[in-house]
PDB file of N, CA and C in Angstrom:
ATOM      1  N   UNK A   1     103.432  53.942  84.747  1.00  0.00           N
ATOM      2  CA  UNK A   1     102.446  55.053  84.954  1.00  0.00           C
ATOM      3  C   UNK A   1     102.711  55.576  86.417  1.00  0.00           C
ATOM      4  N   UNK A   2     103.402  55.003  87.319  1.00  0.00           N
ATOM      5  CA  UNK A   2     103.548  55.984  88.272  1.00  0.00           C
ATOM      6  C   UNK A   2     104.512  57.011  88.234  1.00  0.00           C
ATOM      7  N   UNK A   3     105.515  56.754  87.284  1.00  0.00           N
ATOM      8  CA  UNK A   3     106.577  57.725  87.023  1.00  0.00           C
ATOM      9  C   UNK A   3     105.657  58.783  86.175  1.00  0.00           C
ATOM     10  N   UNK A   4     104.755  58.703  85.558  1.00  0.00           N
ATOM     11  CA  UNK A   4     104.262  59.613  84.700  1.00  0.00           C
ATOM     12  C   UNK A   4     103.235  60.402  85.773  1.00  0.00           C
ATOM     13  N   UNK A   5     102.919  59.883  86.558  1.00  0.00           N
ATOM     14  CA  UNK A   5     101.933  60.585  87.525  1.00  0.00           C
ATOM     15  C   UNK A   5     102.919  61.529  88.352  1.00  0.00           C
ATOM     16  N   UNK A   6     103.850  60.939  88.864  1.00  0.00           N
ATOM     17  CA  UNK A   6     104.769  61.952  89.784  1.00  0.00           C
ATOM     18  C   UNK A   6     105.469  62.979  88.803  1.00  0.00           C
ATOM     19  N   UNK A   7     105.686  62.626  87.808  1.00  0.00           N
ATOM     20  CA  UNK A   7     106.268  63.845  86.622  1.00  0.00           C
ATOM     21  C   UNK A   7     105.113  64.801  86.503  1.00  0.00           C
ATOM     22  N   UNK A   8     103.717  64.617  86.404  1.00  0.00           N
ATOM     23  CA  UNK A   8     102.869  65.587  86.505  1.00  0.00           C
ATOM     24  C   UNK A   8     102.739  66.462  87.517  1.00  0.00           C
ATOM     25  N   UNK A   9     102.632  65.785  88.899  1.00  0.00           N
ATOM     26  CA  UNK A   9     102.909  66.240  90.261  1.00  0.00           C
ATOM     27  C   UNK A   9     103.867  67.363  90.137  1.00  0.00           C
ATOM     28  N   UNK A  10     105.049  67.065  89.918  1.00  0.00           N
ATOM     29  CA  UNK A  10     106.043  67.890  89.757  1.00  0.00           C
ATOM     30  C   UNK A  10     106.158  68.932  88.901  1.00  0.00           C
ATOM     31  N   UNK A  11     105.725  68.821  87.822  1.00  0.00           N
ATOM     32  CA  UNK A  11     105.301  69.883  86.906  1.00  0.00           C
ATOM     33  C   UNK A  11     104.323  70.956  87.355  1.00  0.00           C
ATOM     34  N   UNK A  12     103.136  70.305  87.927  1.00  0.00           N
ATOM     35  CA  UNK A  12     102.050  71.124  88.462  1.00  0.00           C
ATOM     36  C   UNK A  12     102.486  72.057  89.603  1.00  0.00           C
ATOM     37  N   UNK A  13     103.295  71.270  90.476  1.00  0.00           N
ATOM     38  CA  UNK A  13     103.731  72.020  91.590  1.00  0.00           C
ATOM     39  C   UNK A  13     104.569  73.234  91.264  1.00  0.00           C
ATOM     40  N   UNK A  14     105.453  73.221  90.340  1.00  0.00           N
ATOM     41  CA  UNK A  14     105.987  74.397  89.908  1.00  0.00           C
ATOM     42  C   UNK A  14     104.957  75.516  89.427  1.00  0.00           C
ATOM     43  N   UNK A  15     104.058  75.059  88.639  1.00  0.00           N
ATOM     44  CA  UNK A  15     103.078  76.023  88.245  1.00  0.00           C
ATOM     45  C   UNK A  15     102.343  76.428  89.376  1.00  0.00           C
ATOM     46  N   UNK A  16     101.855  75.880  90.383  1.00  0.00           N
ATOM     47  CA  UNK A  16     101.158  76.104  91.699  1.00  0.00           C
ATOM     48  C   UNK A  16     102.040  77.042  92.396  1.00  0.00           C
ATOM     49  N   UNK A  17     103.290  76.516  92.538  1.00  0.00           N
ATOM     50  CA  UNK A  17     104.143  77.428  93.403  1.00  0.00           C
ATOM     51  C   UNK A  17     104.144  78.964  92.903  1.00  0.00           C
ATOM     52  N   UNK A  18     104.409  79.211  91.620  1.00  0.00           N
ATOM     53  CA  UNK A  18     104.387  80.533  90.916  1.00  0.00           C
ATOM     54  C   UNK A  18     103.154  81.131  91.164  1.00  0.00           C
ATOM     55  N   UNK A  19     102.200  80.557  90.848  1.00  0.00           N
ATOM     56  CA  UNK A  19     100.698  81.174  90.969  1.00  0.00           C
ATOM     57  C   UNK A  19     100.492  81.459  92.342  1.00  0.00           C
ATOM     58  N   UNK A  20     100.729  80.760  93.370  1.00  0.00           N
ATOM     59  CA  UNK A  20     100.248  80.999  94.667  1.00  0.00           C
ATOM     60  C   UNK A  20     101.249  82.247  95.090  1.00  0.00           C
ATOM     61  N   UNK A  21     102.569  82.284  94.734  1.00  0.00           N
ATOM     62  CA  UNK A  21     103.413  83.240  95.089  1.00  0.00           C
ATOM     63  C   UNK A  21     102.986  84.698  94.641  1.00  0.00           C
ATOM     64  N   UNK A  22     102.446  84.681  93.260  1.00  0.00           N
ATOM     65  CA  UNK A  22     101.970  85.842  92.473  1.00  0.00           C
ATOM     66  C   UNK A  22     100.565  86.129  93.065  1.00  0.00           C
ATOM     67  N   UNK A  23      99.740  85.551  93.429  1.00  0.00           N
ATOM     68  CA  UNK A  23      98.485  85.819  94.123  1.00  0.00           C
ATOM     69  C   UNK A  23      98.811  86.339  95.353  1.00  0.00           C
ATOM     70  N   UNK A  24      99.635  85.788  96.042  1.00  0.00           N
ATOM     71  CA  UNK A  24      99.801  86.588  97.581  1.00  0.00           C
ATOM     72  C   UNK A  24     100.463  87.781  97.435  1.00  0.00           C
ATOM     73  N   UNK A  25     101.402  87.873  96.320  1.00  0.00           N
ATOM     74  CA  UNK A  25     101.955  89.414  96.028  1.00  0.00           C
ATOM     75  C   UNK A  25     100.904  90.277  95.719  1.00  0.00           C
ATOM     76  N   UNK A  26      99.914  89.812  95.192  1.00  0.00           N
ATOM     77  CA  UNK A  26      98.647  90.782  94.493  1.00  0.00           C
ATOM     78  C   UNK A  26      97.998  91.150  96.065  1.00  0.00           C
ATOM     79  N   UNK A  27      98.104  90.311  97.038  1.00  0.00           N
ATOM     80  CA  UNK A  27      97.305  90.783  97.961  1.00  0.00           C
ATOM     81  C   UNK A  27      98.108  91.560  98.968  1.00  0.00           C
ATOM     82  N   UNK A  28      99.211  91.305  98.990  1.00  0.00           N
ATOM     83  CA  UNK A  28     100.296  92.122  99.656  1.00  0.00           C
ATOM     84  C   UNK A  28     100.606  93.451  99.374  1.00  0.00           C
ATOM     85  N   UNK A  29     100.498  93.604  97.896  1.00  0.00           N
ATOM     86  CA  UNK A  29     100.936  94.921  97.458  1.00  0.00           C
ATOM     87  C   UNK A  29     102.037  95.504  97.278  1.00  0.00           C
ATOM     88  N   UNK A  30     103.185  94.896  97.394  1.00  0.00           N
ATOM     89  CA  UNK A  30     104.621  95.349  97.641  1.00  0.00           C
ATOM     90  C   UNK A  30     104.956  96.320  96.381  1.00  0.00           C
ATOM     91  N   UNK A  31     106.097  97.112  96.633  1.00  0.00           N
ATOM     92  CA  UNK A  31     106.374  98.272  95.637  1.00  0.00           C
ATOM     93  C   UNK A  31     106.103  97.769  94.204  1.00  0.00           C
ATOM     94  N   UNK A  32     106.819  96.442  94.006  1.00  0.00           N
ATOM     95  CA  UNK A  32     106.918  95.929  92.451  1.00  0.00           C
ATOM     96  C   UNK A  32     105.617  95.737  91.945  1.00  0.00           C
ATOM     97  N   UNK A  33     104.656  95.302  92.643  1.00  0.00           N
ATOM     98  CA  UNK A  33     103.282  95.252  92.142  1.00  0.00           C
ATOM     99  C   UNK A  33     102.550  96.660  91.719  1.00  0.00           C
ATOM    100  N   UNK A  34     102.811  97.348  92.899  1.00  0.00           N
ATOM    101  CA  UNK A  34     102.067  98.769  92.649  1.00  0.00           C
ATOM    102  C   UNK A  34     102.985  99.337  91.495  1.00  0.00           C
ATOM    103  N   UNK A  35     104.129  99.333  91.060  1.00  0.00           N
ATOM    104  CA  UNK A  35     104.638  99.851  89.764  1.00  0.00           C
ATOM    105  C   UNK A  35     104.013  99.053  88.697  1.00  0.00           C
ATOM    106  N   UNK A  36     103.828  97.915  88.875  1.00  0.00           N
ATOM    107  CA  UNK A  36     103.294  97.051  87.565  1.00  0.00           C
ATOM    108  C   UNK A  36     101.920  97.590  87.289  1.00  0.00           C
ATOM    109  N   UNK A  37     101.213  97.579  88.326  1.00  0.00           N
ATOM    110  CA  UNK A  37      99.886  98.217  88.007  1.00  0.00           C
ATOM    111  C   UNK A  37      99.779  99.403  87.551  1.00  0.00           C
ATOM    112  N   UNK A  38     100.410 100.246  87.818  1.00  0.00           N
ATOM    113  CA  UNK A  38     100.927 101.749  87.261  1.00  0.00           C
ATOM    114  C   UNK A  38     101.002 101.685  85.718  1.00  0.00           C
ATOM    115  N   UNK A  39     102.256 100.955  85.641  1.00  0.00           N
ATOM    116  CA  UNK A  39     102.552 100.691  84.133  1.00  0.00           C
ATOM    117  C   UNK A  39     101.672 100.072  83.163  1.00  0.00           C
ATOM    118  N   UNK A  40     100.756  99.017  83.861  1.00  0.00           N
ATOM    119  CA  UNK A  40      99.699  98.386  83.130  1.00  0.00           C
ATOM    120  C   UNK A  40      98.399  99.461  83.106  1.00  0.00           C
ATOM    121  N   UNK A  41      98.419 100.395  83.687  1.00  0.00           N
ATOM    122  CA  UNK A  41      97.368 101.378  83.962  1.00  0.00           C
ATOM    123  C   UNK A  41      96.115 100.767  84.372  1.00  0.00           C
ATOM    124  N   UNK A  42      96.346  99.913  85.443  1.00  0.00           N
ATOM    125  CA  UNK A  42      95.417  99.579  86.321  1.00  0.00           C
ATOM    126  C   UNK A  42      95.242  99.952  87.671  1.00  0.00           C
ATOM    127  N   UNK A  43      94.113 100.306  88.202  1.00  0.00           N
ATOM    128  CA  UNK A  43      94.238 100.902  89.539  1.00  0.00           C
ATOM    129  C   UNK A  43      94.729  99.701  90.456  1.00  0.00           C
ATOM    130  N   UNK A  44      95.619 100.195  91.398  1.00  0.00           N
ATOM    131  CA  UNK A  44      95.968  99.236  92.418  1.00  0.00           C
ATOM    132  C   UNK A  44      94.879  98.539  93.393  1.00  0.00           C
ATOM    133  N   UNK A  45      93.831  99.004  93.268  1.00  0.00           N
ATOM    134  CA  UNK A  45      92.608  98.513  94.191  1.00  0.00           C
ATOM    135  C   UNK A  45      92.384  97.228  93.410  1.00  0.00           C
ATOM    136  N   UNK A  46      92.666  97.155  92.127  1.00  0.00           N
ATOM    137  CA  UNK A  46      92.173  95.656  91.601  1.00  0.00           C
ATOM    138  C   UNK A  46      93.306  94.367  91.849  1.00  0.00           C
ATOM    139  N   UNK A  47      94.200  94.832  92.662  1.00  0.00           N
ATOM    140  CA  UNK A  47      95.357  93.789  92.541  1.00  0.00           C
ATOM    141  C   UNK A  47      94.681  92.946  93.747  1.00  0.00           C
ATOM    142  N   UNK A  48      94.001  93.201  94.734  1.00  0.00           N
ATOM    143  CA  UNK A  48      93.499  92.128  95.931  1.00  0.00           C
ATOM    144  C   UNK A  48      92.531  91.351  95.105  1.00  0.00           C
ATOM    145  N   UNK A  49      91.619  91.976  94.541  1.00  0.00           N
ATOM    146  CA  UNK A  49      90.665  91.177  93.569  1.00  0.00           C
ATOM    147  C   UNK A  49      91.362  90.177  92.644  1.00  0.00           C
ATOM    148  N   UNK A  50      92.363  90.691  91.700  1.00  0.00           N
ATOM    149  CA  UNK A  50      93.067  89.578  91.044  1.00  0.00           C
ATOM    150  C   UNK A  50      93.776  88.544  91.774  1.00  0.00           C
ATOM    151  N   UNK A  51      94.168  88.918  92.904  1.00  0.00           N
ATOM    152  CA  UNK A  51      94.824  88.019  93.595  1.00  0.00           C
ATOM    153  C   UNK A  51      94.060  86.836  94.330  1.00  0.00           C
ATOM    154  N   UNK A  52      92.850  87.420  94.659  1.00  0.00           N
ATOM    155  CA  UNK A  52      91.863  86.335  95.170  1.00  0.00           C
ATOM    156  C   UNK A  52      91.241  85.547  94.189  1.00  0.00           C
ATOM    157  N   UNK A  53      91.178  86.122  92.866  1.00  0.00           N
ATOM    158  CA  UNK A  53      90.632  85.239  91.819  1.00  0.00           C
ATOM    159  C   UNK A  53      91.753  84.125  91.551  1.00  0.00           C
ATOM    160  N   UNK A  54      92.984  84.545  91.505  1.00  0.00           N
ATOM    161  CA  UNK A  54      94.159  83.824  91.052  1.00  0.00           C
ATOM    162  C   UNK A  54      94.156  82.463  92.129  1.00  0.00           C
ATOM    163  N   UNK A  55      94.240  82.789  93.393  1.00  0.00           N
ATOM    164  CA  UNK A  55      94.155  81.965  94.300  1.00  0.00           C
ATOM    165  C   UNK A  55      92.867  80.839  94.334  1.00  0.00           C
ATOM    166  N   UNK A  56      91.849  81.580  94.061  1.00  0.00           N
ATOM    167  CA  UNK A  56      90.429  80.803  93.848  1.00  0.00           C
ATOM    168  C   UNK A  56      90.722  79.753  92.686  1.00  0.00           C
ATOM    169  N   UNK A  57      91.299  80.077  91.631  1.00  0.00           N
ATOM    170  CA  UNK A  57      91.421  79.300  90.480  1.00  0.00           C
ATOM    171  C   UNK A  57      92.669  78.054  90.808  1.00  0.00           C
ATOM    172  N   UNK A  58      93.621  78.781  91.522  1.00  0.00           N
ATOM    173  CA  UNK A  58      94.645  77.552  91.917  1.00  0.00           C
ATOM    174  C   UNK A  58      93.900  76.553  92.974  1.00  0.00           C
ATOM    175  N   UNK A  59      93.277  77.072  93.425  1.00  0.00           N
ATOM    176  CA  UNK A  59      92.366  76.258  94.708  1.00  0.00           C
ATOM    177  C   UNK A  59      91.544  74.960  93.879  1.00  0.00           C
ATOM    178  N   UNK A  60      90.780  75.536  93.037  1.00  0.00           N
ATOM    179  CA  UNK A  60      90.061  74.519  92.391  1.00  0.00           C
ATOM    180  C   UNK A  60      90.937  73.553  91.457  1.00  0.00           C
ATOM    181  N   UNK A  61      92.190  74.098  90.913  1.00  0.00           N
ATOM    182  CA  UNK A  61      93.140  73.343  90.334  1.00  0.00           C
ATOM    183  C   UNK A  61      93.775  72.286  91.094  1.00  0.00           C
ATOM    184  N   UNK A  62      93.994  72.616  92.266  1.00  0.00           N
ATOM    185  CA  UNK A  62      94.980  71.538  93.116  1.00  0.00           C
ATOM    186  C   UNK A  62      93.983  70.500  93.912  1.00  0.00           C
ATOM    187  N   UNK A  63      92.715  70.714  93.835  1.00  0.00           N
ATOM    188  CA  UNK A  63      91.635  69.699  94.089  1.00  0.00           C
ATOM    189  C   UNK A  63      91.577  68.641  93.095  1.00  0.00           C
ATOM    190  N   UNK A  64      92.081  67.376  93.254  1.00  0.00           N
ATOM    191  CA  UNK A  64      92.054  66.198  92.107  1.00  0.00           C
ATOM    192  C   UNK A  64      90.429  66.441  91.328  1.00  0.00           C
ATOM    193  N   UNK A  65      89.190  66.365  92.197  1.00  0.00           N
ATOM    194  CA  UNK A  65      88.108  66.180  91.447  1.00  0.00           C
ATOM    195  C   UNK A  65      87.746  67.408  90.563  1.00  0.00           C
ATOM    196  N   UNK A  66      88.271  68.552  91.029  1.00  0.00           N
ATOM    197  CA  UNK A  66      88.042  69.760  90.146  1.00  0.00           C
ATOM    198  C   UNK A  66      89.333  70.418  89.389  1.00  0.00           C
ATOM    199  N   UNK A  67      90.323  69.385  89.307  1.00  0.00           N
ATOM    200  CA  UNK A  67      91.442  70.100  88.794  1.00  0.00           C
ATOM    201  C   UNK A  67      91.204  70.345  87.262  1.00  0.00           C
ATOM    202  N   UNK A  68      90.617  69.705  86.195  1.00  0.00           N
ATOM    203  CA  UNK A  68      90.513  70.191  84.831  1.00  0.00           C
ATOM    204  C   UNK A  68      89.763  71.518  84.971  1.00  0.00           C
ATOM    205  N   UNK A  69      88.806  71.720  85.606  1.00  0.00           N
ATOM    206  CA  UNK A  69      88.020  73.055  85.880  1.00  0.00           C
ATOM    207  C   UNK A  69      88.882  74.132  86.283  1.00  0.00           C
ATOM    208  N   UNK A  70      89.929  73.784  87.278  1.00  0.00           N
ATOM    209  CA  UNK A  70      90.661  74.806  87.571  1.00  0.00           C
ATOM    210  C   UNK A  70      91.851  75.018  86.462  1.00  0.00           C
ATOM    211  N   UNK A  71      92.286  74.113  85.823  1.00  0.00           N
ATOM    212  CA  UNK A  71      93.010  74.371  84.537  1.00  0.00           C
ATOM    213  C   UNK A  71      92.388  75.330  83.646  1.00  0.00           C
ATOM    214  N   UNK A  72      91.153  74.930  83.316  1.00  0.00           N
ATOM    215  CA  UNK A  72      90.304  75.868  82.399  1.00  0.00           C
ATOM    216  C   UNK A  72      90.151  77.461  82.965  1.00  0.00           C
ATOM    217  N   UNK A  73      90.035  77.408  84.258  1.00  0.00           N
ATOM    218  CA  UNK A  73      89.901  78.813  84.827  1.00  0.00           C
ATOM    219  C   UNK A  73      91.321  79.410  84.867  1.00  0.00           C
ATOM    220  N   UNK A  74      92.160  78.736  85.094  1.00  0.00           N
ATOM    221  CA  UNK A  74      93.624  79.352  85.086  1.00  0.00           C
ATOM    222  C   UNK A  74      94.063  79.796  83.702  1.00  0.00           C
ATOM    223  N   UNK A  75      93.624  79.043  82.672  1.00  0.00           N
ATOM    224  CA  UNK A  75      93.927  79.635  81.216  1.00  0.00           C
ATOM    225  C   UNK A  75      93.082  80.766  81.044  1.00  0.00           C
ATOM    226  N   UNK A  76      92.087  81.008  81.334  1.00  0.00           N
ATOM    227  CA  UNK A  76      91.342  82.248  81.020  1.00  0.00           C
ATOM    228  C   UNK A  76      92.016  83.442  81.689  1.00  0.00           C
ATOM    229  N   UNK A  77      92.464  83.140  83.080  1.00  0.00           N
ATOM    230  CA  UNK A  77      93.156  84.209  83.951  1.00  0.00           C
ATOM    231  C   UNK A  77      94.541  84.532  83.344  1.00  0.00           C
ATOM    232  N   UNK A  78      95.249  83.499  82.639  1.00  0.00           N
ATOM    233  CA  UNK A  78      96.382  83.914  82.127  1.00  0.00           C
ATOM    234  C   UNK A  78      96.582  84.088  80.800  1.00  0.00           C
ATOM    235  N   UNK A  79      95.196  84.011  80.277  1.00  0.00           N
ATOM    236  CA  UNK A  79      94.940  84.764  78.781  1.00  0.00           C
ATOM    237  C   UNK A  79      94.862  86.109  78.872  1.00  0.00           C
ATOM    238  N   UNK A  80      94.121  86.422  80.000  1.00  0.00           N
ATOM    239  CA  UNK A  80      93.912  87.861  80.470  1.00  0.00           C
ATOM    240  C   UNK A  80      95.263  88.596  80.587  1.00  0.00           C
ATOM    241  N   UNK A  81      96.196  87.756  81.279  1.00  0.00           N
ATOM    242  CA  UNK A  81      97.397  88.472  81.537  1.00  0.00           C
ATOM    243  C   UNK A  81      98.122  88.643  80.451  1.00  0.00           C
ATOM    244  N   UNK A  82      98.171  87.971  79.335  1.00  0.00           N
ATOM    245  CA  UNK A  82      98.794  87.834  77.871  1.00  0.00           C
ATOM    246  C   UNK A  82      98.239  89.121  77.108  1.00  0.00           C
ATOM    247  N   UNK A  83      96.878  89.064  77.284  1.00  0.00           N
ATOM    248  CA  UNK A  83      96.225  90.335  76.602  1.00  0.00           C
ATOM    249  C   UNK A  83      96.631  91.474  77.235  1.00  0.00           C
ATOM    250  N   UNK A  84      96.809  91.797  78.446  1.00  0.00           N
ATOM    251  CA  UNK A  84      97.093  92.941  79.209  1.00  0.00           C
ATOM    252  C   UNK A  84      98.576  93.370  78.846  1.00  0.00           C
ATOM    253  N   UNK A  85      99.619  92.367  78.922  1.00  0.00           N
ATOM    254  CA  UNK A  85     101.034  92.659  78.437  1.00  0.00           C
ATOM    255  C   UNK A  85     101.047  93.278  76.924  1.00  0.00           C
ATOM    256  N   UNK A  86     100.469  92.458  76.203  1.00  0.00           N
ATOM    257  CA  UNK A  86     100.270  92.824  74.755  1.00  0.00           C
ATOM    258  C   UNK A  86      99.749  94.218  74.522  1.00  0.00           C
ATOM    259  N   UNK A  87      98.531  94.558  75.246  1.00  0.00           N
ATOM    260  CA  UNK A  87      97.998  95.958  75.423  1.00  0.00           C
ATOM    261  C   UNK A  87      99.063  97.017  75.416  1.00  0.00           C
ATOM    262  N   UNK A  88      99.978  96.894  76.361  1.00  0.00           N
ATOM    263  CA  UNK A  88     100.823  98.072  76.780  1.00  0.00           C
ATOM    264  C   UNK A  88     102.258  97.778  75.910  1.00  0.00           C
ATOM    265  N   UNK A  89     102.383  96.842  75.176  1.00  0.00           N
ATOM    266  CA  UNK A  89     103.624  96.647  74.250  1.00  0.00           C
ATOM    267  C   UNK A  89     104.925  96.318  75.296  1.00  0.00           C
ATOM    268  N   UNK A  90     104.533  95.314  76.237  1.00  0.00           N
ATOM    269  CA  UNK A  90     105.413  94.797  77.204  1.00  0.00           C
ATOM    270  C   UNK A  90     106.324  93.992  76.447  1.00  0.00           C
ATOM    271  N   UNK A  91     107.676  93.643  77.229  1.00  0.00           N
ATOM    272  CA  UNK A  91     108.634  93.284  76.489  1.00  0.00           C
ATOM    273  C   UNK A  91     108.219  91.518  76.182  1.00  0.00           C
ATOM    274  N   UNK A  92     108.931  90.910  75.207  1.00  0.00           N
ATOM    275  CA  UNK A  92     108.560  89.599  74.625  1.00  0.00           C
ATOM    276  C   UNK A  92     108.378  88.673  75.815  1.00  0.00           C
ATOM    277  N   UNK A  93     109.360  88.612  76.662  1.00  0.00           N
ATOM    278  CA  UNK A  93     109.321  87.542  77.652  1.00  0.00           C
ATOM    279  C   UNK A  93     108.192  87.917  78.612  1.00  0.00           C
ATOM    280  N   UNK A  94     108.051  88.913  79.172  1.00  0.00           N
ATOM    281  CA  UNK A  94     106.853  89.235  80.052  1.00  0.00           C
ATOM    282  C   UNK A  94     105.437  88.897  79.222  1.00  0.00           C
ATOM    283  N   UNK A  95     105.490  88.930  77.873  1.00  0.00           N
ATOM    284  CA  UNK A  95     104.294  88.778  77.348  1.00  0.00           C
ATOM    285  C   UNK A  95     103.808  87.176  77.163  1.00  0.00           C
ATOM    286  N   UNK A  96     104.924  86.468  77.121  1.00  0.00           N
ATOM    287  CA  UNK A  96     104.661  84.970  76.890  1.00  0.00           C
ATOM    288  C   UNK A  96     105.112  84.185  78.233  1.00  0.00           C
ATOM    289  N   UNK A  97     105.452  84.860  79.287  1.00  0.00           N
ATOM    290  CA  UNK A  97     105.542  84.232  80.566  1.00  0.00           C
ATOM    291  C   UNK A  97     104.208  83.302  80.987  1.00  0.00           C
ATOM    292  N   UNK A  98     103.071  84.109  81.038  1.00  0.00           N
ATOM    293  CA  UNK A  98     101.820  83.613  81.361  1.00  0.00           C
ATOM    294  C   UNK A  98     101.524  82.269  80.491  1.00  0.00           C
ATOM    295  N   UNK A  99     101.892  82.357  79.083  1.00  0.00           N
ATOM    296  CA  UNK A  99     101.818  81.128  78.360  1.00  0.00           C
ATOM    297  C   UNK A  99     102.606  79.872  78.789  1.00  0.00           C
ATOM    298  N   UNK A 100     103.663  80.430  79.261  1.00  0.00           N
ATOM    299  CA  UNK A 100     104.605  79.118  79.681  1.00  0.00           C
ATOM    300  C   UNK A 100     104.087  78.529  81.291  1.00  0.00           C
ATOM    301  N   UNK A 101     103.523  79.469  82.058  1.00  0.00           N
ATOM    302  CA  UNK A 101     102.827  78.802  83.202  1.00  0.00           C
ATOM    303  C   UNK A 101     101.642  77.896  82.771  1.00  0.00           C
ATOM    304  N   UNK A 102     100.769  78.621  81.941  1.00  0.00           N
ATOM    305  CA  UNK A 102      99.700  77.800  81.408  1.00  0.00           C
ATOM    306  C   UNK A 102     100.269  76.586  80.913  1.00  0.00           C
ATOM    307  N   UNK A 103     101.272  76.310  80.140  1.00  0.00           N
ATOM    308  CA  UNK A 103     101.820  75.436  79.355  1.00  0.00           C
ATOM    309  C   UNK A 103     101.941  74.178  80.639  1.00  0.00           C
ATOM    310  N   UNK A 104     102.770  74.871  81.734  1.00  0.00           N
ATOM    311  CA  UNK A 104     103.052  73.930  82.790  1.00  0.00           C
ATOM    312  C   UNK A 104     101.623  73.334  83.532  1.00  0.00           C
ATOM    313  N   UNK A 105     100.891  74.218  83.686  1.00  0.00           N
ATOM    314  CA  UNK A 105      99.427  73.707  84.202  1.00  0.00           C
ATOM    315  C   UNK A 105      98.919  72.651  83.237  1.00  0.00           C
ATOM    316  N   UNK A 106      98.985  72.661  82.036  1.00  0.00           N
ATOM    317  CA  UNK A 106      98.250  71.795  81.156  1.00  0.00           C
ATOM    318  C   UNK A 106      99.113  70.632  81.153  1.00  0.00           C
ATOM    319  N   UNK A 107     100.624  70.584  81.158  1.00  0.00           N
ATOM    320  CA  UNK A 107     101.387  69.681  80.994  1.00  0.00           C
ATOM    321  C   UNK A 107     101.179  68.618  82.270  1.00  0.00           C
ATOM    322  N   UNK A 108     101.268  69.252  83.333  1.00  0.00           N
ATOM    323  CA  UNK A 108     100.963  68.537  84.592  1.00  0.00           C
ATOM    324  C   UNK A 108      99.531  67.926  84.470  1.00  0.00           C
ATOM    325  N   UNK A 109      98.465  68.587  84.020  1.00  0.00           N
ATOM    326  CA  UNK A 109      97.200  67.607  83.835  1.00  0.00           C
ATOM    327  C   UNK A 109      97.320  66.672  82.821  1.00  0.00           C
ATOM    328  N   UNK A 110      97.865  66.749  81.662  1.00  0.00           N
ATOM    329  CA  UNK A 110      98.188  65.737  80.758  1.00  0.00           C
ATOM    330  C   UNK A 110      98.736  64.509  81.348  1.00  0.00           C
ATOM    331  N   UNK A 111      99.862  64.937  82.049  1.00  0.00           N
ATOM    332  CA  UNK A 111     100.779  63.669  82.754  1.00  0.00           C
ATOM    333  C   UNK A 111      99.866  63.074  83.842  1.00  0.00           C
ATOM    334  N   UNK A 112      99.027  63.805  84.656  1.00  0.00           N
ATOM    335  CA  UNK A 112      98.529  63.196  85.852  1.00  0.00           C
ATOM    336  C   UNK A 112      97.222  62.653  85.562  1.00  0.00           C
ATOM    337  N   UNK A 113      96.380  62.926  84.494  1.00  0.00           N
ATOM    338  CA  UNK A 113      95.042  62.320  84.123  1.00  0.00           C
ATOM    339  C   UNK A 113      95.113  61.545  82.920  1.00  0.00           C
ATOM    340  N   UNK A 114      94.792  60.148  82.998  1.00  0.00           N
ATOM    341  CA  UNK A 114      94.789  59.280  81.804  1.00  0.00           C
ATOM    342  C   UNK A 114      93.614  59.805  81.029  1.00  0.00           C
ATOM    343  N   UNK A 115      92.636  60.241  81.513  1.00  0.00           N
ATOM    344  CA  UNK A 115      91.213  60.592  80.734  1.00  0.00           C
ATOM    345  C   UNK A 115      91.728  61.866  79.916  1.00  0.00           C
ATOM    346  N   UNK A 116      92.402  62.853  80.304  1.00  0.00           N
ATOM    347  CA  UNK A 116      93.110  63.988  79.172  1.00  0.00           C
ATOM    348  C   UNK A 116      93.937  63.312  78.122  1.00  0.00           C
ATOM    349  N   UNK A 117      94.896  62.277  78.651  1.00  0.00           N
ATOM    350  CA  UNK A 117      95.887  61.454  77.609  1.00  0.00           C
ATOM    351  C   UNK A 117      95.079  60.938  76.629  1.00  0.00           C
ATOM    352  N   UNK A 118      93.712  60.331  76.970  1.00  0.00           N
ATOM    353  CA  UNK A 118      93.064  59.619  75.976  1.00  0.00           C
ATOM    354  C   UNK A 118      92.372  60.612  75.167  1.00  0.00           C
ATOM    355  N   UNK A 119      91.870  61.793  75.567  1.00  0.00           N
ATOM    356  CA  UNK A 119      91.209  62.678  74.800  1.00  0.00           C
ATOM    357  C   UNK A 119      92.172  63.532  73.899  1.00  0.00           C
ATOM    358  N   UNK A 120      93.290  63.590  74.345  1.00  0.00           N
ATOM    359  CA  UNK A 120      94.054  64.408  73.337  1.00  0.00           C
ATOM    360  C   UNK A 120      95.594  63.481  73.295  1.00  0.00           C
ATOM    361  N   UNK A 121      95.637  62.371  72.367  1.00  0.00           N
ATOM    362  CA  UNK A 121      96.671  61.298  72.217  1.00  0.00           C
ATOM    363  C   UNK A 121      97.484  61.956  71.364  1.00  0.00           C
ATOM    364  N   UNK A 122      98.658  62.035  71.598  1.00  0.00           N
ATOM    365  CA  UNK A 122      99.797  62.282  70.798  1.00  0.00           C
ATOM    366  C   UNK A 122     100.093  61.317  69.795  1.00  0.00           C
ATOM    367  N   UNK A 123     100.126  61.458  68.459  1.00  0.00           N
ATOM    368  CA  UNK A 123     100.327  60.333  67.574  1.00  0.00           C
ATOM    369  C   UNK A 123     101.803  60.489  67.133  1.00  0.00           C
ATOM    370  N   UNK A 124     101.920  59.123  66.685  1.00  0.00           N
ATOM    371  CA  UNK A 124     103.382  59.044  66.171  1.00  0.00           C
ATOM    372  C   UNK A 124     103.623  59.498  64.898  1.00  0.00           C
ATOM    373  N   UNK A 125     104.818  60.198  64.385  1.00  0.00           N
ATOM    374  CA  UNK A 125     104.848  60.970  63.080  1.00  0.00           C
ATOM    375  C   UNK A 125     105.018  59.834  62.003  1.00  0.00           C
ATOM    376  N   UNK A 126     105.211  58.602  62.306  1.00  0.00           N
ATOM    377  CA  UNK A 126     105.437  57.651  61.011  1.00  0.00           C
ATOM    378  C   UNK A 126     103.913  57.402  60.781  1.00  0.00           C
ATOM    379  N   UNK A 127     103.824  57.252  59.338  1.00  0.00           N
ATOM    380  CA  UNK A 127     102.615  56.838  58.936  1.00  0.00           C
ATOM    381  C   UNK A 127     102.661  55.301  58.179  1.00  0.00           C
ATOM    382  N   UNK A 128     101.930  54.562  58.690  1.00  0.00           N
ATOM    383  CA  UNK A 128     101.720  53.016  58.461  1.00  0.00           C
ATOM    384  C   UNK A 128     100.374  52.978  57.768  1.00  0.00           C
ATOM    385  N   UNK A 129     100.502  52.808  56.421  1.00  0.00           N
ATOM    386  CA  UNK A 129      99.373  52.547  55.893  1.00  0.00           C
ATOM    387  C   UNK A 129      99.214  51.105  55.391  1.00  0.00           C
TER     388      UNK A 129
END
């Protein structure tokens, strides 16, 4: 069980590192962020608000007592990112990247939280009748 817990922490750490980096860049508004907001037809002024929302969701996710709520909030945030990329017909990878990050978020949760593993057990493929 300790290996599963540490695997979950490592997987979650990758997601958290990316999300924190993304949130901070939204706050700093470097040229690539300004260009992306222009391409996505969003006013650059929303960059700070989105960065704060993203960092707040990550903060809720990294607190053990509220981590499942954080994963749910991040799922909504990342779902909005997917919809935004689909709306402007962005390349395939740009569109699915938020899904990949969401997968890391939930994979980490699944590995760290036995309650979640009990709620969503993976069944074996063999049928034993």
